[in-house]
C-alpha atoms as a PDB file:
ATOM      1  CA  MET A   1     -34.885  17.422  74.452  1.00  0.00           C
ATOM      2  CA  SER A   2     -32.150  18.928  72.621  1.00  0.00           C
ATOM      3  CA  PHE A   3     -28.753  17.334  72.990  1.00  0.00           C
ATOM      4  CA  SER A   4     -27.364  20.108  70.497  1.00  0.00           C
ATOM      5  CA  ASN A   5     -25.889  22.274  73.006  1.00  0.00           C
ATOM      6  CA  LEU A   6     -23.761  19.286  74.427  1.00  0.00           C
ATOM      7  CA  LEU A   7     -21.860  18.675  70.725  1.00  0.00           C
ATOM      8  CA  PRO A   8     -18.618  20.493  70.885  1.00  0.00           C
ATOM      9  CA  ARG A   9     -18.954  23.440  68.473  1.00  0.00           C
ATOM     10  CA  SER A  10     -17.329  22.906  65.015  1.00  0.00           C
ATOM     11  CA  PRO A  11     -14.761  25.537  64.319  1.00  0.00           C
ATOM     12  CA  TRP A  12     -15.797  28.504  62.159  1.00  0.00           C
ATOM     13  CA  THR A  13     -14.596  28.404  58.298  1.00  0.00           C
ATOM     14  CA  PRO A  14     -14.695  31.788  56.477  1.00  0.00           C
ATOM     15  CA  PRO A  15     -16.689  31.471  52.769  1.00  0.00           C
ATOM     16  CA  HIS A  16     -14.359  30.547  50.222  1.00  0.00           C
ATOM     17  CA  GLN A  17     -13.040  33.741  48.361  1.00  0.00           C
ATOM     18  CA  PRO A  18     -10.970  33.797  45.296  1.00  0.00           C
ATOM     19  CA  ALA A  19      -7.799  35.443  46.542  1.00  0.00           C
ATOM     20  CA  SER A  20      -6.682  38.240  44.718  1.00  0.00           C
ATOM     21  CA  ARG A  21      -3.373  38.838  42.586  1.00  0.00           C
ATOM     22  CA  ASP A  22      -1.975  41.136  44.721  1.00  0.00           C
ATOM     23  CA  ASN A  23      -2.319  39.395  47.823  1.00  0.00           C
ATOM     24  CA  GLN A  24      -1.133  35.931  46.490  1.00  0.00           C
ATOM     25  CA  SER A  25       2.110  34.795  47.520  1.00  0.00           C
ATOM     26  CA  ALA A  26       3.617  33.577  44.131  1.00  0.00           C
ATOM     27  CA  SER A  27       5.241  30.235  44.225  1.00  0.00           C
ATOM     28  CA  PRO A  28       8.513  29.296  42.417  1.00  0.00           C
ATOM     29  CA  TYR A  29       6.065  26.956  40.297  1.00  0.00           C
ATOM     30  CA  SER A  30       3.839  29.991  39.582  1.00  0.00           C
ATOM     31  CA  LYS A  31       6.701  31.921  38.199  1.00  0.00           C
ATOM     32  CA  ARG A  32       8.091  29.095  36.248  1.00  0.00           C
ATOM     33  CA  GLN A  33       4.466  29.115  34.697  1.00  0.00           C
ATOM     34  CA  ALA A  34       4.132  32.576  33.971  1.00  0.00           C
ATOM     35  CA  ALA A  35       7.619  33.055  32.636  1.00  0.00           C
ATOM     36  CA  ARG A  36       6.725  30.140  30.061  1.00  0.00           C
ATOM     37  CA  ALA A  37       3.229  31.848  29.459  1.00  0.00           C
ATOM     38  CA  SER A  38       4.832  34.875  28.611  1.00  0.00           C
ATOM     39  CA  GLN A  39       7.571  33.143  25.986  1.00  0.00           C
ATOM     40  CA  PRO A  40       6.576  33.007  22.554  1.00  0.00           C
ATOM     41  CA  VAL A  41       5.928  29.352  21.515  1.00  0.00           C
ATOM     42  CA  ILE A  42       8.719  28.153  19.193  1.00  0.00           C
ATOM     43  CA  GLN A  43       7.920  25.052  17.239  1.00  0.00           C
ATOM     44  CA  GLN A  44      10.907  22.624  16.540  1.00  0.00           C
ATOM     45  CA  GLN A  45      11.756  22.502  12.535  1.00  0.00           C
ATOM     46  CA  VAL A  46      12.690  19.429  11.747  1.00  0.00           C
ATOM     47  CA  ALA A  47      15.480  19.660   8.936  1.00  0.00           C
ATOM     48  CA  PRO A  48      14.630  17.814   5.482  1.00  0.00           C
ATOM     49  CA  LEU A  49      16.367  14.555   4.551  1.00  0.00           C
ATOM     50  CA  PRO A  50      19.349  15.899   2.144  1.00  0.00           C
ATOM     51  CA  GLU A  51      19.491  14.085  -1.204  1.00  0.00           C
ATOM     52  CA  GLN A  52      23.083  13.280  -0.131  1.00  0.00           C
ATOM     53  CA  GLY A  53      23.654  11.376   2.630  1.00  0.00           C
ATOM     54  CA  GLN A  54      26.874  12.178   4.666  1.00  0.00           C
ATOM     55  CA  GLY A  55      29.245   9.713   5.837  1.00  0.00           C
ATOM     56  CA  THR A  56      29.634   6.145   4.723  1.00  0.00           C
ATOM     57  CA  MET A  57      25.997   5.431   5.748  1.00  0.00           C
ATOM     58  CA  THR A  58      23.863   6.926   2.573  1.00  0.00           C
ATOM     59  CA  LEU A  59      20.225   7.023   3.333  1.00  0.00           C
ATOM     60  CA  VAL A  60      18.612   8.891  -0.100  1.00  0.00           C
ATOM     61  CA  GLN A  61      15.097   9.147  -1.413  1.00  0.00           C
ATOM     62  CA  ARG A  62      13.952   6.740  -3.586  1.00  0.00           C
ATOM     63  CA  ARG A  63      12.960   8.223  -7.186  1.00  0.00           C
ATOM     64  CA  ASN A  64       9.338   8.517  -7.522  1.00  0.00           C
ATOM     65  CA  SER A  65       8.405   7.576  -3.983  1.00  0.00           C
ATOM     66  CA  PRO A  66       8.193  10.259  -1.752  1.00  0.00           C
ATOM     67  CA  SER A  67       7.688   8.012   1.434  1.00  0.00           C
ATOM     68  CA  VAL A  68       9.945   4.630   0.819  1.00  0.00           C
ATOM     69  CA  TYR A  69      13.980   5.091   1.580  1.00  0.00           C
ATOM     70  CA  SER A  70      16.554   2.494   0.821  1.00  0.00           C
ATOM     71  CA  LEU A  71      19.417   1.979   2.885  1.00  0.00           C
ATOM     72  CA  LEU A  72      22.757   1.152   0.845  1.00  0.00           C
ATOM     73  CA  PRO A  73      25.321  -1.689   2.656  1.00  0.00           C
ATOM     74  CA  LEU A  74      27.271  -0.138   5.515  1.00  0.00           C
ATOM     75  CA  PRO A  75      31.132  -0.107   4.638  1.00  0.00           C
ATOM     76  CA  ARG A  76      33.657  -1.827   6.874  1.00  0.00           C
ATOM     77  CA  TYR A  77      36.701  -0.013   6.895  1.00  0.00           C
ATOM     78  CA  GLU A  78      39.974  -2.021   7.741  1.00  0.00           C
ATOM     79  CA  GLN A  79      41.985  -0.635  10.482  1.00  0.00           C
ATOM     80  CA  HIS A  80      45.559   0.246   9.670  1.00  0.00           C
ATOM     81  CA  SER A  81      48.236  -1.734  11.696  1.00  0.00           C
ATOM     82  CA  ALA A  82      51.128  -0.569  13.004  1.00  0.00           C
ATOM     83  CA  GLN A  83      52.941  -3.476  11.853  1.00  0.00           C
ATOM     84  CA  ARG A  84      51.937  -3.003   7.961  1.00  0.00           C
ATOM     85  CA  PRO A  85      54.709  -1.029   6.423  1.00  0.00           C
ATOM     86  CA  LYS A  86      54.298   2.793   5.345  1.00  0.00           C
ATOM     87  CA  VAL A  87      53.121   3.411   1.866  1.00  0.00           C
ATOM     88  CA  VAL A  88      55.266   5.634  -0.251  1.00  0.00           C
ATOM     89  CA  LYS A  89      53.263   8.299  -1.958  1.00  0.00           C
ATOM     90  CA  ARG A  90      54.172   8.804  -5.557  1.00  0.00           C
ATOM     91  CA  GLY A  91      53.064  10.747  -8.433  1.00  0.00           C
ATOM     92  CA  ARG A  92      51.064  13.859  -8.707  1.00  0.00           C
ATOM     93  CA  PRO A  93      48.851  14.585  -5.657  1.00  0.00           C
ATOM     94  CA  LEU A  94      45.096  15.207  -6.148  1.00  0.00           C
ATOM     95  CA  ARG A  95      43.277  18.007  -5.282  1.00  0.00           C
ATOM     96  CA  PRO A  96      41.459  18.123  -1.839  1.00  0.00           C
ATOM     97  CA  ALA A  97      38.307  16.980  -1.560  1.00  0.00           C
ATOM     98  CA  ASP A  98      35.129  19.348  -1.167  1.00  0.00           C
ATOM     99  CA  ALA A  99      31.804  18.680   0.683  1.00  0.00           C
ATOM    100  CA  LEU A 100      30.227  17.424  -2.245  1.00  0.00           C
ATOM    101  CA  ALA A 101      32.970  15.004  -2.847  1.00  0.00           C
ATOM    102  CA  ARG A 102      32.814  13.359   0.520  1.00  0.00           C
ATOM    103  CA  GLN A 103      28.935  13.090   0.371  1.00  0.00           C
ATOM    104  CA  LEU A 104      29.367  10.885  -3.005  1.00  0.00           C
ATOM    105  CA  GLU A 105      32.127   9.258  -1.888  1.00  0.00           C
ATOM    106  CA  GLY A 106      29.916   7.704   1.058  1.00  0.00           C
ATOM    107  CA  ARG A 107      27.269   6.987  -1.218  1.00  0.00           C
ATOM    108  CA  CYS A 108      29.946   5.120  -3.731  1.00  0.00           C
ATOM    109  CA  ALA A 109      31.287   3.141  -0.864  1.00  0.00           C
ATOM    110  CA  GLY A 110      28.118   1.696  -0.505  1.00  0.00           C
ATOM    111  CA  VAL A 111      27.500   1.049  -4.082  1.00  0.00           C
ATOM    112  CA  ALA A 112      30.896  -0.464  -4.787  1.00  0.00           C
ATOM    113  CA  ILE A 113      30.027  -3.145  -1.893  1.00  0.00           C
ATOM    114  CA  ALA A 114      26.489  -3.608  -3.199  1.00  0.00           C
ATOM    115  CA  TYR A 115      27.989  -4.220  -6.799  1.00  0.00           C
ATOM    116  CA  LEU A 116      30.681  -6.894  -5.752  1.00  0.00           C
ATOM    117  CA  GLU A 117      27.665  -8.483  -3.753  1.00  0.00           C
ATOM    118  CA  ILE A 118      25.414  -8.679  -6.909  1.00  0.00           C
ATOM    119  CA  MET A 119      28.332 -10.390  -9.058  1.00  0.00           C
ATOM    120  CA  SER A 120      28.635 -12.780  -6.578  1.00  0.00           C
ATOM    121  CA  ALA A 121      25.024 -13.314  -6.131  1.00  0.00           C
ATOM    122  CA  ARG A 122      24.553 -12.090  -2.924  1.00  0.00           C
ATOM    123  CA  ARG A 123      22.625  -9.268  -3.281  1.00  0.00           C
ATOM    124  CA  SER A 124      19.295  -8.724  -5.403  1.00  0.00           C
ATOM    125  CA  ARG A 125      20.247  -6.619  -8.740  1.00  0.00           C
ATOM    126  CA  GLN A 126      17.312  -4.809  -8.235  1.00  0.00           C
ATOM    127  CA  GLN A 127      18.656  -2.930  -4.937  1.00  0.00           C
ATOM    128  CA  LEU A 128      21.494  -1.011  -7.412  1.00  0.00           C
ATOM    129  CA  ALA A 129      18.840   0.149  -9.878  1.00  0.00           C
ATOM    130  CA  GLN A 130      18.084   3.368  -8.265  1.00  0.00           C
ATOM    131  CA  TRP A 131      21.335   4.262  -7.710  1.00  0.00           C
ATOM    132  CA  VAL A 132      22.617   4.219 -11.488  1.00  0.00           C
ATOM    133  CA  SER A 133      21.064   5.682 -14.719  1.00  0.00           C
ATOM    134  CA  ALA A 134      18.842   3.656 -16.602  1.00  0.00           C
ATOM    135  CA  ASP A 135      21.280   2.970 -19.659  1.00  0.00           C
ATOM    136  CA  CYS A 136      23.750   1.958 -16.932  1.00  0.00           C
ATOM    137  CA  PHE A 137      21.517  -0.712 -15.258  1.00  0.00           C
ATOM    138  CA  HIS A 138      20.568  -2.054 -18.666  1.00  0.00           C
ATOM    139  CA  ARG A 139      24.198  -2.366 -19.433  1.00  0.00           C
ATOM    140  CA  LEU A 140      24.849  -4.223 -16.436  1.00  0.00           C
ATOM    141  CA  LEU A 141      22.087  -6.477 -16.881  1.00  0.00           C
ATOM    142  CA  PRO A 142      23.573  -9.260 -19.057  1.00  0.00           C
ATOM    143  CA  PHE A 143      26.619  -9.540 -16.334  1.00  0.00           C
ATOM    144  CA  PHE A 144      24.683 -10.041 -13.174  1.00  0.00           C
ATOM    145  CA  PRO A 145      24.567 -13.647 -12.369  1.00  0.00           C
ATOM    146  CA  LYS A 146      20.892 -15.076 -11.983  1.00  0.00           C
ATOM    147  CA  ASN A 147      21.814 -17.501  -9.614  1.00  0.00           C
ATOM    148  CA  PRO A 148      24.939 -18.667  -7.500  1.00  0.00           C
ATOM    149  CA  ARG A 149      26.095 -21.225 -10.109  1.00  0.00           C
ATOM    150  CA  GLN A 150      26.757 -18.589 -12.764  1.00  0.00           C
ATOM    151  CA  VAL A 151      28.990 -16.755 -10.506  1.00  0.00           C
ATOM    152  CA  ARG A 152      32.341 -16.657 -12.155  1.00  0.00           C
ATOM    153  CA  LYS A 153      35.213 -17.955 -10.175  1.00  0.00           C
ATOM    154  CA  GLU A 154      36.973 -14.967 -10.082  1.00  0.00           C
ATOM    155  CA  MET A 155      33.817 -13.047  -8.477  1.00  0.00           C
ATOM    156  CA  LEU A 156      33.085 -15.794  -5.367  1.00  0.00           C
ATOM    157  CA  LEU A 157      33.170 -13.861  -1.990  1.00  0.00           C
ATOM    158  CA  THR A 158      34.001 -15.858   0.576  1.00  0.00           C
ATOM    159  CA  LEU A 159      34.201 -13.171   3.427  1.00  0.00           C
ATOM    160  CA  PRO A 160      32.297  -9.347   3.575  1.00  0.00           C
ATOM    161  CA  PRO A 161      34.316  -6.687   1.250  1.00  0.00           C
ATOM    162  CA  VAL A 162      36.214  -4.421   3.506  1.00  0.00           C
ATOM    163  CA  LEU A 163      36.574  -0.651   2.271  1.00  0.00           C
ATOM    164  CA  LEU A 164      40.330   0.324   2.273  1.00  0.00           C
ATOM    165  CA  ARG A 165      39.827   3.786   0.428  1.00  0.00           C
ATOM    166  CA  VAL A 166      37.424   5.669  -1.510  1.00  0.00           C
ATOM    167  CA  ARG A 167      38.189   8.578  -3.327  1.00  0.00           C
ATOM    168  CA  ALA A 168      35.728  10.910  -5.717  1.00  0.00           C
ATOM    169  CA  GLN A 169      37.332  13.564  -7.784  1.00  0.00           C
ATOM    170  CA  LYS A 170      35.610  16.434  -9.670  1.00  0.00           C
ATOM    171  CA  VAL A 171      36.242  16.537 -13.385  1.00  0.00           C
ATOM    172  CA  HIS A 172      33.417  19.600 -14.042  1.00  0.00           C
ATOM    173  CA  GLU A 173      30.682  20.920 -12.402  1.00  0.00           C
ATOM    174  CA  GLU A 174      28.327  17.677 -13.235  1.00  0.00           C
ATOM    175  CA  LEU A 175      30.640  14.702 -13.361  1.00  0.00           C
ATOM    176  CA  TYR A 176      32.594  13.109 -10.832  1.00  0.00           C
ATOM    177  CA  GLU A 177      35.039   9.980 -11.116  1.00  0.00           C
ATOM    178  CA  VAL A 178      35.276   7.794  -7.965  1.00  0.00           C
ATOM    179  CA  VAL A 179      37.519   5.019  -7.236  1.00  0.00           C
ATOM    180  CA  ALA A 180      36.966   2.599  -4.364  1.00  0.00           C
ATOM    181  CA  LEU A 181      39.676   0.002  -3.279  1.00  0.00           C
ATOM    182  CA  LEU A 182      38.272  -3.076  -1.203  1.00  0.00           C
ATOM    183  CA  ARG A 183      39.730  -6.378   0.240  1.00  0.00           C
ATOM    184  CA  CYS A 184      37.937  -9.203  -0.737  1.00  0.00           C
ATOM    185  CA  ALA A 185      39.902 -12.273   1.512  1.00  0.00           C
ATOM    186  CA  ASP A 186      43.461 -12.160  -0.092  1.00  0.00           C
ATOM    187  CA  LYS A 187      42.421 -10.101  -3.193  1.00  0.00           C
ATOM    188  CA  VAL A 188      42.520  -6.137  -3.499  1.00  0.00           C
ATOM    189  CA  ARG A 189      39.199  -5.143  -5.908  1.00  0.00           C
ATOM    190  CA  VAL A 190      39.043  -1.973  -7.535  1.00  0.00           C
ATOM    191  CA  VAL A 191      35.820  -0.440  -8.389  1.00  0.00           C
ATOM    192  CA  THR A 192      35.875   2.752 -10.544  1.00  0.00           C
ATOM    193  CA  MET A 193      32.359   4.712 -10.999  1.00  0.00           C
ATOM    194  CA  GLN A 194      31.471   8.027 -12.757  1.00  0.00           C
ATOM    195  CA  MET A 195      28.682  10.099 -11.477  1.00  0.00           C
ATOM    196  CA  ARG A 196      26.851  12.735 -13.295  1.00  0.00           C
ATOM    197  CA  LEU A 197      24.104  15.451 -12.195  1.00  0.00           C
ATOM    198  CA  ILE A 198      20.662  14.255 -14.539  1.00  0.00           C
ATOM    199  CA  HIS A 199      17.760  16.148 -14.013  1.00  0.00           C
ATOM    200  CA  GLY A 200      18.923  17.223 -10.159  1.00  0.00           C
ATOM    201  CA  MET A 201      19.870  13.962  -9.056  1.00  0.00           C
ATOM    202  CA  TRP A 202      23.548  12.173  -9.006  1.00  0.00           C
ATOM    203  CA  LEU A 203      23.591   9.146 -10.598  1.00  0.00           C
ATOM    204  CA  ILE A 204      26.150   6.512 -11.619  1.00  0.00           C
ATOM    205  CA  THR A 205      26.340   6.369 -15.444  1.00  0.00           C
ATOM    206  CA  ALA A 206      29.154   3.936 -15.455  1.00  0.00           C
ATOM    207  CA  ILE A 207      30.582   1.325 -13.068  1.00  0.00           C
ATOM    208  CA  GLU A 208      33.540  -1.242 -14.103  1.00  0.00           C
ATOM    209  CA  GLN A 209      36.056  -3.540 -12.237  1.00  0.00           C
ATOM    210  CA  PRO A 210      39.257  -3.627 -13.584  1.00  0.00           C
ATOM    211  CA  GLN A 211      41.534  -6.858 -12.959  1.00  0.00           C
ATOM    212  CA  SER A 212      42.190  -7.583  -9.285  1.00  0.00           C
ATOM    213  CA  ARG A 213      45.505  -8.290  -8.169  1.00  0.00           C
ATOM    214  CA  LEU A 214      46.629 -10.331  -5.270  1.00  0.00           C
ATOM    215  CA  ASP A 215      47.269  -8.626  -1.714  1.00  0.00           C
ATOM    216  CA  GLU A 216      51.182  -8.200  -1.396  1.00  0.00           C
ATOM    217  CA  ASP A 217      50.987  -7.387   2.248  1.00  0.00           C
END
C-alpha cells in the first residue's frame, strides 16, 4: 500500500537557467561594478622623498644608505607677545627668500639646535656628521665636549633652545649663508652657517657661534 498519494504535493520549481543579459534587471550595484570595470585602473604614484625637506622638520635621506632616514630636532618657535615692544627695522632690507632658501632655513634651524645641544653634551656629535661636510666636521671635533664635565660654562643649557628667527641669504647659485637666532633661558644665541652644493647635495661647510648676549626684553 502506497501513501504517496496522501502526501501534499511539493510546489513545482522550474530547472535553473542562466538569466540572459537582456532580461536581467540591472541593479544599482551591478551598474557600479560595470562602471568600475569599464574605467581604466589608475595606479597611485607615490611622490619620491625630496632631498630638502620643507618646513621646520626636515627628513633627509642619509648619505650612503638608501633606506635609513634621520630626523633633525623640531624647533620650537617663540610666540610673539602683544606686550613686547615692536622692533624698529633699520638698515638695508634683505632680498625676498626663494623656495630653496626656505627649504634650507628649515634644515638649518634643526642643525642649529642640534649644534647647541652637542656643545652642551646633550646630543651625540655623530648626529651632525651627515649634515656637514667632512672638512667641517673634522674642524668641529676638537670643540665638541666628550662628557658633561668638559662643557664650558657659557655653553650650558638649562632649557631647550627656542627658535626666534632663521634667515637664509643667497650668495650665488651654489652658496647660501644662514643666520639662526635662538633663545636659551635668559640669553639669545646666534648660530651662523654656510651651505654649499657639493655633488648634488646641500651640506654645511662652516658653522660658528658668535658672542652671545643677554636678553634685554
